[in-house]
C-alpha atoms as a PDB file:
ATOM      1  CA  MET A   1     127.671  -7.461  70.375  1.00  0.00           C
ATOM      2  CA  SER A   2     129.067  -9.839  73.851  1.00  0.00           C
ATOM      3  CA  TRP A   3     132.946 -10.140  74.242  1.00  0.00           C
ATOM      4  CA  GLY A   4     132.321 -13.995  73.299  1.00  0.00           C
ATOM      5  CA  GLU A   5     131.335 -12.892  69.751  1.00  0.00           C
ATOM      6  CA  ASN A   6     134.217 -10.174  69.247  1.00  0.00           C
ATOM      7  CA  LYS A   7     136.569 -12.246  66.497  1.00  0.00           C
ATOM      8  CA  ASN A   8     139.420 -10.757  67.797  1.00  0.00           C
ATOM      9  CA  GLN A   9     139.556 -12.200  70.862  1.00  0.00           C
ATOM     10  CA  ILE A  10     141.938 -15.735  72.212  1.00  0.00           C
ATOM     11  CA  ILE A  11     139.340 -17.133  73.722  1.00  0.00           C
ATOM     12  CA  LYS A  12     139.753 -21.119  73.773  1.00  0.00           C
ATOM     13  CA  ARG A  13     136.404 -23.303  74.003  1.00  0.00           C
ATOM     14  CA  LYS A  14     136.561 -26.935  73.671  1.00  0.00           C
ATOM     15  CA  PRO A  15     134.288 -29.790  74.370  1.00  0.00           C
ATOM     16  CA  MET A  16     135.494 -32.057  77.291  1.00  0.00           C
ATOM     17  CA  SER A  17     136.798 -35.187  76.631  1.00  0.00           C
ATOM     18  CA  ASN A  18     135.060 -38.294  77.803  1.00  0.00           C
ATOM     19  CA  ARG A  19     137.929 -39.201  80.463  1.00  0.00           C
ATOM     20  CA  MET A  20     137.192 -35.651  81.943  1.00  0.00           C
ATOM     21  CA  THR A  21     133.700 -37.410  82.823  1.00  0.00           C
ATOM     22  CA  PRO A  22     133.584 -38.810  86.398  1.00  0.00           C
ATOM     23  CA  ARG A  23     131.775 -41.985  87.526  1.00  0.00           C
ATOM     24  CA  ILE A  24     129.036 -39.507  89.353  1.00  0.00           C
ATOM     25  CA  THR A  25     125.537 -40.345  89.272  1.00  0.00           C
ATOM     26  CA  ALA A  26     123.456 -37.372  88.421  1.00  0.00           C
ATOM     27  CA  GLN A  27     122.032 -36.186  91.848  1.00  0.00           C
ATOM     28  CA  SER A  28     125.721 -35.081  92.837  1.00  0.00           C
ATOM     29  CA  ASN A  29     126.275 -31.203  91.738  1.00  0.00           C
ATOM     30  CA  PRO A  30     127.929 -30.989  88.370  1.00  0.00           C
ATOM     31  CA  ASN A  31     127.748 -26.577  88.757  1.00  0.00           C
ATOM     32  CA  TRP A  32     131.043 -26.434  89.586  1.00  0.00           C
ATOM     33  CA  GLY A  33     134.363 -25.565  87.862  1.00  0.00           C
ATOM     34  CA  VAL A  34     137.936 -24.347  88.492  1.00  0.00           C
ATOM     35  CA  PHE A  35     140.275 -20.984  88.294  1.00  0.00           C
ATOM     36  CA  ASP A  36     143.265 -19.950  87.467  1.00  0.00           C
ATOM     37  CA  LEU A  37     145.208 -16.696  87.061  1.00  0.00           C
ATOM     38  CA  GLU A  38     149.134 -15.794  86.000  1.00  0.00           C
ATOM     39  CA  THR A  39     150.932 -12.723  87.531  1.00  0.00           C
ATOM     40  CA  PHE A  40     154.450 -10.858  86.808  1.00  0.00           C
ATOM     41  CA  THR A  41     156.017  -8.541  88.798  1.00  0.00           C
ATOM     42  CA  ASP A  42     156.225  -4.741  87.600  1.00  0.00           C
ATOM     43  CA  LYS A  43     157.333  -1.636  89.200  1.00  0.00           C
ATOM     44  CA  ASN A  44     154.755   1.871  89.898  1.00  0.00           C
ATOM     45  CA  LEU A  45     155.928   5.329  89.592  1.00  0.00           C
ATOM     46  CA  GLU A  46     157.359   5.292  92.768  1.00  0.00           C
ATOM     47  CA  GLY A  47     159.582   2.214  92.309  1.00  0.00           C
ATOM     48  CA  LYS A  48     158.003  -0.071  94.251  1.00  0.00           C
ATOM     49  CA  LEU A  49     157.022  -3.644  93.168  1.00  0.00           C
ATOM     50  CA  TYR A  50     153.614  -5.565  92.536  1.00  0.00           C
ATOM     51  CA  SER A  51     152.298  -7.762  90.875  1.00  0.00           C
ATOM     52  CA  ARG A  52     150.171  -7.959  87.335  1.00  0.00           C
ATOM     53  CA  VAL A  53     147.818 -10.307  86.061  1.00  0.00           C
ATOM     54  CA  TYR A  54     148.748 -11.049  82.586  1.00  0.00           C
ATOM     55  CA  ALA A  55     146.368 -14.591  81.911  1.00  0.00           C
ATOM     56  CA  LEU A  56     143.642 -15.893  83.405  1.00  0.00           C
ATOM     57  CA  GLY A  57     141.098 -18.406  82.497  1.00  0.00           C
ATOM     58  CA  PHE A  58     138.312 -20.971  83.950  1.00  0.00           C
ATOM     59  CA  LEU A  59     137.333 -24.655  82.917  1.00  0.00           C
ATOM     60  CA  THR A  60     133.984 -26.288  83.606  1.00  0.00           C
ATOM     61  CA  LYS A  61     133.034 -29.614  82.446  1.00  0.00           C
ATOM     62  CA  SER A  62     131.277 -28.126  79.483  1.00  0.00           C
ATOM     63  CA  GLU A  63     133.965 -25.730  78.608  1.00  0.00           C
ATOM     64  CA  LYS A  64     136.909 -23.638  79.163  1.00  0.00           C
ATOM     65  CA  ILE A  65     138.165 -19.804  78.532  1.00  0.00           C
ATOM     66  CA  THR A  66     141.354 -18.243  78.842  1.00  0.00           C
ATOM     67  CA  PHE A  67     142.624 -14.649  78.164  1.00  0.00           C
ATOM     68  CA  TYR A  68     145.583 -13.097  77.371  1.00  0.00           C
ATOM     69  CA  LEU A  69     146.076  -9.680  78.174  1.00  0.00           C
ATOM     70  CA  THR A  70     147.862  -8.278  75.272  1.00  0.00           C
ATOM     71  CA  TYR A  71     144.741  -9.906  73.016  1.00  0.00           C
ATOM     72  CA  PHE A  72     142.591  -7.162  75.110  1.00  0.00           C
ATOM     73  CA  PHE A  73     144.079  -4.570  76.270  1.00  0.00           C
ATOM     74  CA  SER A  74     146.780  -1.973  76.760  1.00  0.00           C
ATOM     75  CA  ASN A  75     149.409  -3.655  78.601  1.00  0.00           C
ATOM     76  CA  ASN A  76     149.761  -0.967  81.813  1.00  0.00           C
ATOM     77  CA  ARG A  77     147.978  -1.758  85.461  1.00  0.00           C
ATOM     78  CA  GLU A  78     144.692  -0.728  84.159  1.00  0.00           C
ATOM     79  CA  GLY A  79     144.478  -3.173  81.483  1.00  0.00           C
ATOM     80  CA  SER A  80     145.343  -5.837  83.986  1.00  0.00           C
ATOM     81  CA  HIS A  81     142.322  -4.594  86.199  1.00  0.00           C
ATOM     82  CA  LYS A  82     140.049  -4.093  83.098  1.00  0.00           C
ATOM     83  CA  LEU A  83     141.182  -8.158  82.023  1.00  0.00           C
ATOM     84  CA  VAL A  84     140.242  -9.552  85.697  1.00  0.00           C
ATOM     85  CA  LEU A  85     137.269  -7.604  85.154  1.00  0.00           C
ATOM     86  CA  HIS A  86     136.235  -8.802  81.813  1.00  0.00           C
ATOM     87  CA  CYS A  87     136.877 -12.780  82.744  1.00  0.00           C
ATOM     88  CA  ILE A  88     134.712 -12.276  85.886  1.00  0.00           C
ATOM     89  CA  ASP A  89     131.611 -10.836  83.484  1.00  0.00           C
ATOM     90  CA  GLN A  90     132.053 -14.166  81.474  1.00  0.00           C
ATOM     91  CA  MET A  91     131.418 -16.140  84.590  1.00  0.00           C
ATOM     92  CA  LEU A  92     129.053 -14.032  85.350  1.00  0.00           C
ATOM     93  CA  GLU A  93     126.566 -15.368  83.172  1.00  0.00           C
ATOM     94  CA  PRO A  94     123.115 -17.192  83.624  1.00  0.00           C
ATOM     95  CA  LYS A  95     124.469 -20.606  82.460  1.00  0.00           C
ATOM     96  CA  PHE A  96     127.570 -20.134  85.663  1.00  0.00           C
ATOM     97  CA  ASN A  97     124.621 -19.073  88.394  1.00  0.00           C
ATOM     98  CA  LYS A  98     125.133 -20.353  91.607  1.00  0.00           C
ATOM     99  CA  PHE A  99     128.351 -22.012  90.219  1.00  0.00           C
ATOM    100  CA  MET A 100     131.096 -22.697  92.886  1.00  0.00           C
ATOM    101  CA  PHE A 101     134.724 -22.397  91.390  1.00  0.00           C
ATOM    102  CA  TYR A 102     137.729 -23.950  92.859  1.00  0.00           C
ATOM    103  CA  VAL A 103     141.074 -22.132  93.023  1.00  0.00           C
ATOM    104  CA  HIS A 104     144.063 -23.650  94.226  1.00  0.00           C
ATOM    105  CA  ASN A 105     145.662 -21.284  97.190  1.00  0.00           C
ATOM    106  CA  LEU A 106     142.838 -18.849  96.491  1.00  0.00           C
ATOM    107  CA  GLY A 107     143.282 -17.124 100.029  1.00  0.00           C
ATOM    108  CA  LYS A 108     147.066 -16.246 100.279  1.00  0.00           C
ATOM    109  CA  PHE A 109     147.320 -15.705  96.102  1.00  0.00           C
ATOM    110  CA  ASP A 110     144.285 -15.680  93.534  1.00  0.00           C
ATOM    111  CA  VAL A 111     141.402 -13.778  95.691  1.00  0.00           C
ATOM    112  CA  ILE A 112     144.205 -10.844  96.551  1.00  0.00           C
ATOM    113  CA  PHE A 113     144.576 -10.025  92.817  1.00  0.00           C
ATOM    114  CA  PHE A 114     140.883  -9.695  91.899  1.00  0.00           C
ATOM    115  CA  HIS A 115     138.836  -9.472  95.406  1.00  0.00           C
ATOM    116  CA  LYS A 116     140.991  -6.008  95.067  1.00  0.00           C
ATOM    117  CA  VAL A 117     140.019  -5.124  91.254  1.00  0.00           C
ATOM    118  CA  LEU A 118     136.585  -6.074  92.185  1.00  0.00           C
ATOM    119  CA  ILE A 119     136.631  -3.329  95.292  1.00  0.00           C
ATOM    120  CA  ASP A 120     137.764  -0.664  93.474  1.00  0.00           C
ATOM    121  CA  TYR A 121     135.881  -0.977  90.177  1.00  0.00           C
ATOM    122  CA  ASN A 122     132.700  -0.420  92.722  1.00  0.00           C
ATOM    123  CA  LYS A 123     134.109   2.681  94.155  1.00  0.00           C
ATOM    124  CA  ASN A 124     133.311   4.295  90.641  1.00  0.00           C
ATOM    125  CA  VAL A 125     130.027   2.410  89.432  1.00  0.00           C
ATOM    126  CA  GLU A 126     127.763   2.609  92.287  1.00  0.00           C
ATOM    127  CA  ASN A 127     128.889  -0.824  93.647  1.00  0.00           C
ATOM    128  CA  LYS A 128     127.646  -3.071  90.369  1.00  0.00           C
ATOM    129  CA  TYR A 129     129.297  -6.646  91.959  1.00  0.00           C
ATOM    130  CA  LYS A 130     128.162  -7.548  95.553  1.00  0.00           C
ATOM    131  CA  LEU A 131     130.574  -8.839  97.625  1.00  0.00           C
ATOM    132  CA  GLU A 132     130.503 -11.032  99.867  1.00  0.00           C
ATOM    133  CA  PRO A 133     133.838 -12.642 101.323  1.00  0.00           C
ATOM    134  CA  LEU A 134     134.070 -15.251 104.326  1.00  0.00           C
ATOM    135  CA  TYR A 135     137.118 -15.606 106.632  1.00  0.00           C
ATOM    136  CA  ARG A 136     138.916 -17.984 108.160  1.00  0.00           C
ATOM    137  CA  ASP A 137     142.233 -17.320 110.190  1.00  0.00           C
ATOM    138  CA  ASN A 138     142.571 -13.885 108.411  1.00  0.00           C
ATOM    139  CA  LYS A 139     142.327 -15.636 105.281  1.00  0.00           C
ATOM    140  CA  ILE A 140     139.247 -15.742 102.756  1.00  0.00           C
ATOM    141  CA  ILE A 141     137.911 -19.238 102.134  1.00  0.00           C
ATOM    142  CA  ARG A 142     135.281 -18.150  99.821  1.00  0.00           C
ATOM    143  CA  LEU A 143     134.181 -15.109  98.030  1.00  0.00           C
ATOM    144  CA  THR A 144     130.518 -14.536  96.902  1.00  0.00           C
ATOM    145  CA  ILE A 145     130.187 -12.232  93.737  1.00  0.00           C
ATOM    146  CA  LYS A 146     126.188 -11.054  92.809  1.00  0.00           C
ATOM    147  CA  ILE A 147     125.757  -8.751  89.972  1.00  0.00           C
ATOM    148  CA  LYS A 148     121.764  -7.953  89.055  1.00  0.00           C
ATOM    149  CA  TRP A 149     121.123  -9.670  85.486  1.00  0.00           C
ATOM    150  CA  ASN A 150     117.707  -8.468  83.739  1.00  0.00           C
ATOM    151  CA  LYS A 151     115.898  -7.910  87.251  1.00  0.00           C
ATOM    152  CA  LYS A 152     117.540 -11.307  88.564  1.00  0.00           C
ATOM    153  CA  HIS A 153     120.667 -11.930  90.774  1.00  0.00           C
ATOM    154  CA  ILE A 154     123.253 -14.034  89.456  1.00  0.00           C
ATOM    155  CA  GLN A 155     125.908 -15.038  91.914  1.00  0.00           C
ATOM    156  CA  ILE A 156     128.993 -17.266  91.661  1.00  0.00           C
ATOM    157  CA  SER A 157     131.741 -18.090  94.339  1.00  0.00           C
ATOM    158  CA  PHE A 158     135.118 -18.568  94.261  1.00  0.00           C
ATOM    159  CA  VAL A 159     136.861 -21.357  97.091  1.00  0.00           C
ATOM    160  CA  ASP A 160     139.974 -22.329  98.298  1.00  0.00           C
ATOM    161  CA  SER A 161     140.449 -26.241  96.675  1.00  0.00           C
ATOM    162  CA  MET A 162     143.344 -26.274  99.457  1.00  0.00           C
ATOM    163  CA  ASN A 163     141.238 -26.267 101.999  1.00  0.00           C
ATOM    164  CA  LEU A 164     139.815 -29.910 100.918  1.00  0.00           C
ATOM    165  CA  LEU A 165     142.878 -31.233  99.643  1.00  0.00           C
ATOM    166  CA  GLU A 166     146.307 -29.428 100.724  1.00  0.00           C
ATOM    167  CA  GLY A 167     149.301 -30.602  98.732  1.00  0.00           C
ATOM    168  CA  SER A 168     150.628 -28.977  95.333  1.00  0.00           C
ATOM    169  CA  LEU A 169     149.101 -29.799  91.602  1.00  0.00           C
ATOM    170  CA  ASP A 170     151.594 -32.223  91.203  1.00  0.00           C
ATOM    171  CA  LYS A 171     151.752 -34.012  94.495  1.00  0.00           C
ATOM    172  CA  LEU A 172     147.806 -34.245  94.146  1.00  0.00           C
ATOM    173  CA  SER A 173     148.221 -35.630  90.600  1.00  0.00           C
ATOM    174  CA  ILE A 174     150.833 -38.361  91.071  1.00  0.00           C
ATOM    175  CA  ASP A 175     148.117 -39.331  94.285  1.00  0.00           C
ATOM    176  CA  TYR A 176     145.017 -39.235  92.391  1.00  0.00           C
ATOM    177  CA  GLN A 177     146.613 -40.675  89.577  1.00  0.00           C
ATOM    178  CA  VAL A 178     145.047 -38.242  86.976  1.00  0.00           C
ATOM    179  CA  THR A 179     145.874 -37.853  82.922  1.00  0.00           C
ATOM    180  CA  THR A 180     147.055 -34.115  82.862  1.00  0.00           C
ATOM    181  CA  SER A 181     149.738 -33.262  85.321  1.00  0.00           C
ATOM    182  CA  LYS A 182     151.032 -29.784  86.021  1.00  0.00           C
ATOM    183  CA  GLY A 183     153.389 -28.230  83.636  1.00  0.00           C
ATOM    184  CA  VAL A 184     156.365 -26.272  83.705  1.00  0.00           C
ATOM    185  CA  PHE A 185     157.193 -22.371  83.051  1.00  0.00           C
ATOM    186  CA  PRO A 186     159.715 -19.750  83.350  1.00  0.00           C
ATOM    187  CA  TYR A 187     157.842 -17.698  85.808  1.00  0.00           C
ATOM    188  CA  LEU A 188     160.946 -15.704  85.873  1.00  0.00           C
ATOM    189  CA  PHE A 189     161.236 -14.718  82.151  1.00  0.00           C
ATOM    190  CA  VAL A 190     158.009 -12.903  81.952  1.00  0.00           C
ATOM    191  CA  ASN A 191     157.869  -9.083  82.364  1.00  0.00           C
ATOM    192  CA  LYS A 192     155.612  -6.069  80.901  1.00  0.00           C
ATOM    193  CA  TYR A 193     158.261  -6.171  78.060  1.00  0.00           C
ATOM    194  CA  ASN A 194     158.460  -8.929  76.589  1.00  0.00           C
ATOM    195  CA  LEU A 195     154.714 -10.189  77.058  1.00  0.00           C
ATOM    196  CA  ASN A 196     154.481 -11.006  72.737  1.00  0.00           C
ATOM    197  CA  TYR A 197     157.749 -12.482  72.836  1.00  0.00           C
ATOM    198  CA  ILE A 198     158.853 -15.340  70.279  1.00  0.00           C
ATOM    199  CA  GLY A 199     162.563 -16.064  69.764  1.00  0.00           C
ATOM    200  CA  PRO A 200     164.845 -19.073  71.692  1.00  0.00           C
ATOM    201  CA  ARG A 201     163.485 -20.710  74.363  1.00  0.00           C
ATOM    202  CA  PRO A 202     164.278 -18.972  77.813  1.00  0.00           C
ATOM    203  CA  HIS A 203     167.175 -20.736  79.967  1.00  0.00           C
ATOM    204  CA  ILE A 204     166.520 -23.105  82.338  1.00  0.00           C
ATOM    205  CA  SER A 205     167.410 -20.267  85.031  1.00  0.00           C
ATOM    206  CA  TYR A 206     164.308 -18.772  84.629  1.00  0.00           C
ATOM    207  CA  TYR A 207     162.017 -22.127  85.579  1.00  0.00           C
ATOM    208  CA  ASN A 208     161.622 -23.219  89.285  1.00  0.00           C
ATOM    209  CA  GLU A 209     164.355 -25.054  90.626  1.00  0.00           C
ATOM    210  CA  ASP A 210     162.544 -28.443  90.486  1.00  0.00           C
ATOM    211  CA  ILE A 211     162.281 -28.457  86.931  1.00  0.00           C
ATOM    212  CA  ASP A 212     163.383 -31.845  85.290  1.00  0.00           C
ATOM    213  CA  LYS A 213     166.779 -30.923  83.689  1.00  0.00           C
ATOM    214  CA  ILE A 214     166.940 -34.441  81.634  1.00  0.00           C
ATOM    215  CA  GLU A 215     163.824 -33.232  80.025  1.00  0.00           C
ATOM    216  CA  TYR A 216     164.586 -29.675  79.243  1.00  0.00           C
ATOM    217  CA  TYR A 217     167.480 -30.283  77.688  1.00  0.00           C
ATOM    218  CA  LYS A 218     166.414 -33.007  76.025  1.00  0.00           C
ATOM    219  CA  ASN A 219     163.382 -30.704  74.562  1.00  0.00           C
ATOM    220  CA  LEU A 220     166.814 -28.219  73.052  1.00  0.00           C
ATOM    221  CA  SER A 221     167.623 -30.920  70.035  1.00  0.00           C
ATOM    222  CA  GLY A 222     166.404 -27.759  67.455  1.00  0.00           C
ATOM    223  CA  GLY A 223     163.459 -27.142  65.593  1.00  0.00           C
ATOM    224  CA  GLU A 224     160.550 -24.932  66.192  1.00  0.00           C
ATOM    225  CA  ALA A 225     160.022 -25.471  70.283  1.00  0.00           C
ATOM    226  CA  THR A 226     163.523 -24.246  70.666  1.00  0.00           C
ATOM    227  CA  TYR A 227     163.915 -21.324  68.521  1.00  0.00           C
ATOM    228  CA  ASN A 228     160.657 -19.901  68.123  1.00  0.00           C
ATOM    229  CA  TRP A 229     159.290 -20.465  71.328  1.00  0.00           C
ATOM    230  CA  ASN A 230     156.139 -18.665  71.775  1.00  0.00           C
ATOM    231  CA  LEU A 231     155.468 -16.932  75.287  1.00  0.00           C
ATOM    232  CA  ARG A 232     151.974 -16.097  74.993  1.00  0.00           C
ATOM    233  CA  GLU A 233     150.940 -19.653  73.604  1.00  0.00           C
ATOM    234  CA  GLU A 234     153.064 -21.673  75.757  1.00  0.00           C
ATOM    235  CA  CYS A 235     151.472 -19.236  79.189  1.00  0.00           C
ATOM    236  CA  LEU A 236     148.222 -20.617  77.674  1.00  0.00           C
ATOM    237  CA  LYS A 237     149.531 -24.308  77.242  1.00  0.00           C
ATOM    238  CA  TYR A 238     150.848 -23.973  80.708  1.00  0.00           C
ATOM    239  CA  LEU A 239     147.483 -22.464  82.583  1.00  0.00           C
ATOM    240  CA  ASP A 240     145.327 -25.210  80.302  1.00  0.00           C
ATOM    241  CA  LYS A 241     147.226 -27.753  82.388  1.00  0.00           C
ATOM    242  CA  ASP A 242     147.070 -26.327  85.583  1.00  0.00           C
ATOM    243  CA  LEU A 243     143.049 -26.108  84.967  1.00  0.00           C
ATOM    244  CA  GLN A 244     142.502 -29.324  83.473  1.00  0.00           C
ATOM    245  CA  SER A 245     144.930 -31.069  86.481  1.00  0.00           C
ATOM    246  CA  LEU A 246     142.949 -29.346  88.953  1.00  0.00           C
ATOM    247  CA  PHE A 247     139.642 -30.462  87.363  1.00  0.00           C
ATOM    248  CA  GLU A 248     140.534 -34.136  86.971  1.00  0.00           C
ATOM    249  CA  ILE A 249     141.528 -33.995  91.193  1.00  0.00           C
ATOM    250  CA  LEU A 250     138.468 -32.829  92.015  1.00  0.00           C
ATOM    251  CA  SER A 251     136.430 -34.684  89.853  1.00  0.00           C
ATOM    252  CA  LYS A 252     137.811 -37.795  91.220  1.00  0.00           C
ATOM    253  CA  PHE A 253     137.791 -36.385  95.127  1.00  0.00           C
ATOM    254  CA  GLN A 254     133.952 -35.306  94.291  1.00  0.00           C
ATOM    255  CA  GLU A 255     133.118 -39.382  93.031  1.00  0.00           C
ATOM    256  CA  THR A 256     135.342 -40.649  95.937  1.00  0.00           C
ATOM    257  CA  LEU A 257     132.807 -38.549  98.549  1.00  0.00           C
ATOM    258  CA  TRP A 258     129.744 -39.620  96.499  1.00  0.00           C
ATOM    259  CA  ILE A 259     130.763 -43.586  96.160  1.00  0.00           C
ATOM    260  CA  ASP A 260     132.518 -44.452  98.698  1.00  0.00           C
ATOM    261  CA  HIS A 261     131.062 -42.209 101.481  1.00  0.00           C
ATOM    262  CA  GLN A 262     127.370 -42.408 101.092  1.00  0.00           C
ATOM    263  CA  ASN A 263     126.844 -39.539  98.848  1.00  0.00           C
ATOM    264  CA  LEU A 264     128.502 -36.932 100.470  1.00  0.00           C
ATOM    265  CA  GLU A 265     128.487 -33.810  98.299  1.00  0.00           C
ATOM    266  CA  MET A 266     131.833 -32.224  97.803  1.00  0.00           C
ATOM    267  CA  THR A 267     130.335 -28.310  96.692  1.00  0.00           C
ATOM    268  CA  GLN A 268     128.484 -28.648 100.001  1.00  0.00           C
ATOM    269  CA  HIS A 269     131.933 -28.141 102.171  1.00  0.00           C
ATOM    270  CA  LEU A 270     134.417 -25.712 102.450  1.00  0.00           C
ATOM    271  CA  THR A 271     136.963 -27.395 104.070  1.00  0.00           C
ATOM    272  CA  LEU A 272     137.839 -31.211 104.965  1.00  0.00           C
ATOM    273  CA  SER A 273     137.194 -30.808 108.254  1.00  0.00           C
ATOM    274  CA  GLY A 274     133.483 -29.772 107.071  1.00  0.00           C
ATOM    275  CA  VAL A 275     133.104 -32.740 105.227  1.00  0.00           C
ATOM    276  CA  ALA A 276     134.187 -34.923 108.068  1.00  0.00           C
ATOM    277  CA  LYS A 277     131.972 -33.074 110.420  1.00  0.00           C
ATOM    278  CA  THR A 278     129.305 -34.307 107.901  1.00  0.00           C
ATOM    279  CA  LYS A 279     129.839 -37.877 107.725  1.00  0.00           C
ATOM    280  CA  PHE A 280     130.238 -38.419 111.677  1.00  0.00           C
ATOM    281  CA  LEU A 281     127.077 -36.192 112.228  1.00  0.00           C
ATOM    282  CA  LYS A 282     125.065 -38.150 109.163  1.00  0.00           C
ATOM    283  CA  TYR A 283     126.198 -41.530 109.311  1.00  0.00           C
ATOM    284  CA  TYR A 284     127.878 -42.164 112.712  1.00  0.00           C
ATOM    285  CA  LEU A 285     125.628 -40.099 115.441  1.00  0.00           C
ATOM    286  CA  LYS A 286     122.731 -41.783 114.945  1.00  0.00           C
ATOM    287  CA  ASN A 287     119.972 -40.658 116.920  1.00  0.00           C
ATOM    288  CA  SER A 288     122.311 -38.751 119.384  1.00  0.00           C
ATOM    289  CA  LYS A 289     121.527 -35.245 119.398  1.00  0.00           C
ATOM    290  CA  ASN A 290     125.019 -34.483 120.812  1.00  0.00           C
ATOM    291  CA  PRO A 291     128.339 -36.115 120.811  1.00  0.00           C
ATOM    292  CA  PRO A 292     129.245 -38.061 123.749  1.00  0.00           C
END
């Protein structure tokens, strides 16, 4: 039985609505998606602080899958590592072969967690995952992962969307006028003891400093949302918003490149400077072999 067939899993699979489909011709590459993860701070046996993954997921044009730690594995460091591997294995399926997954701020945050998990796992299983990182300025800007599948190879790549679109998801959501904006979540509230918390909504001090205070207090008028606040459900809602927001932003960006910039393809470039170079060489350099 595959992981996706396990009835005890909390996996969200939803068809994408029409608003998620940009006005792009069939010639543009549809084989891409977005990825995100959530962490909290824990302590090891020596008392040193480290970050641990407790939720993650990915979204493509056709499906969305999210995972929460306590519904899959034990709430410890090993369980967090297994959760990462579980998600990566879900992505390393034939239907996602050669997909590119965009991660906002990959090089400075997300890749730190799953790259090390994959390296450590390979030490014990004779290199199940073939890892091909690409660095720029000592940061990974693309991580390609390959495995053998029935005598064939399947690969996916993680790339940093900030190298194409710099700025926070909040700002980009406004700039691109997408329908799904980044949510708010009490990052500082989460710890290893309360992953299954249900109770009063966390105090505003657990949220980012830029939280809308009027909106926060307006939602404290009583009822289910105030007194039966569910950490798992709220975390997955927040993760879902981040995934959809980034997907919509990149869909519009891909549409703009393809339609307004003479069929430039987003997935063929890792950086915005690479996009500019391609356009210059393809449409402005003409017959010259070298720039003047």
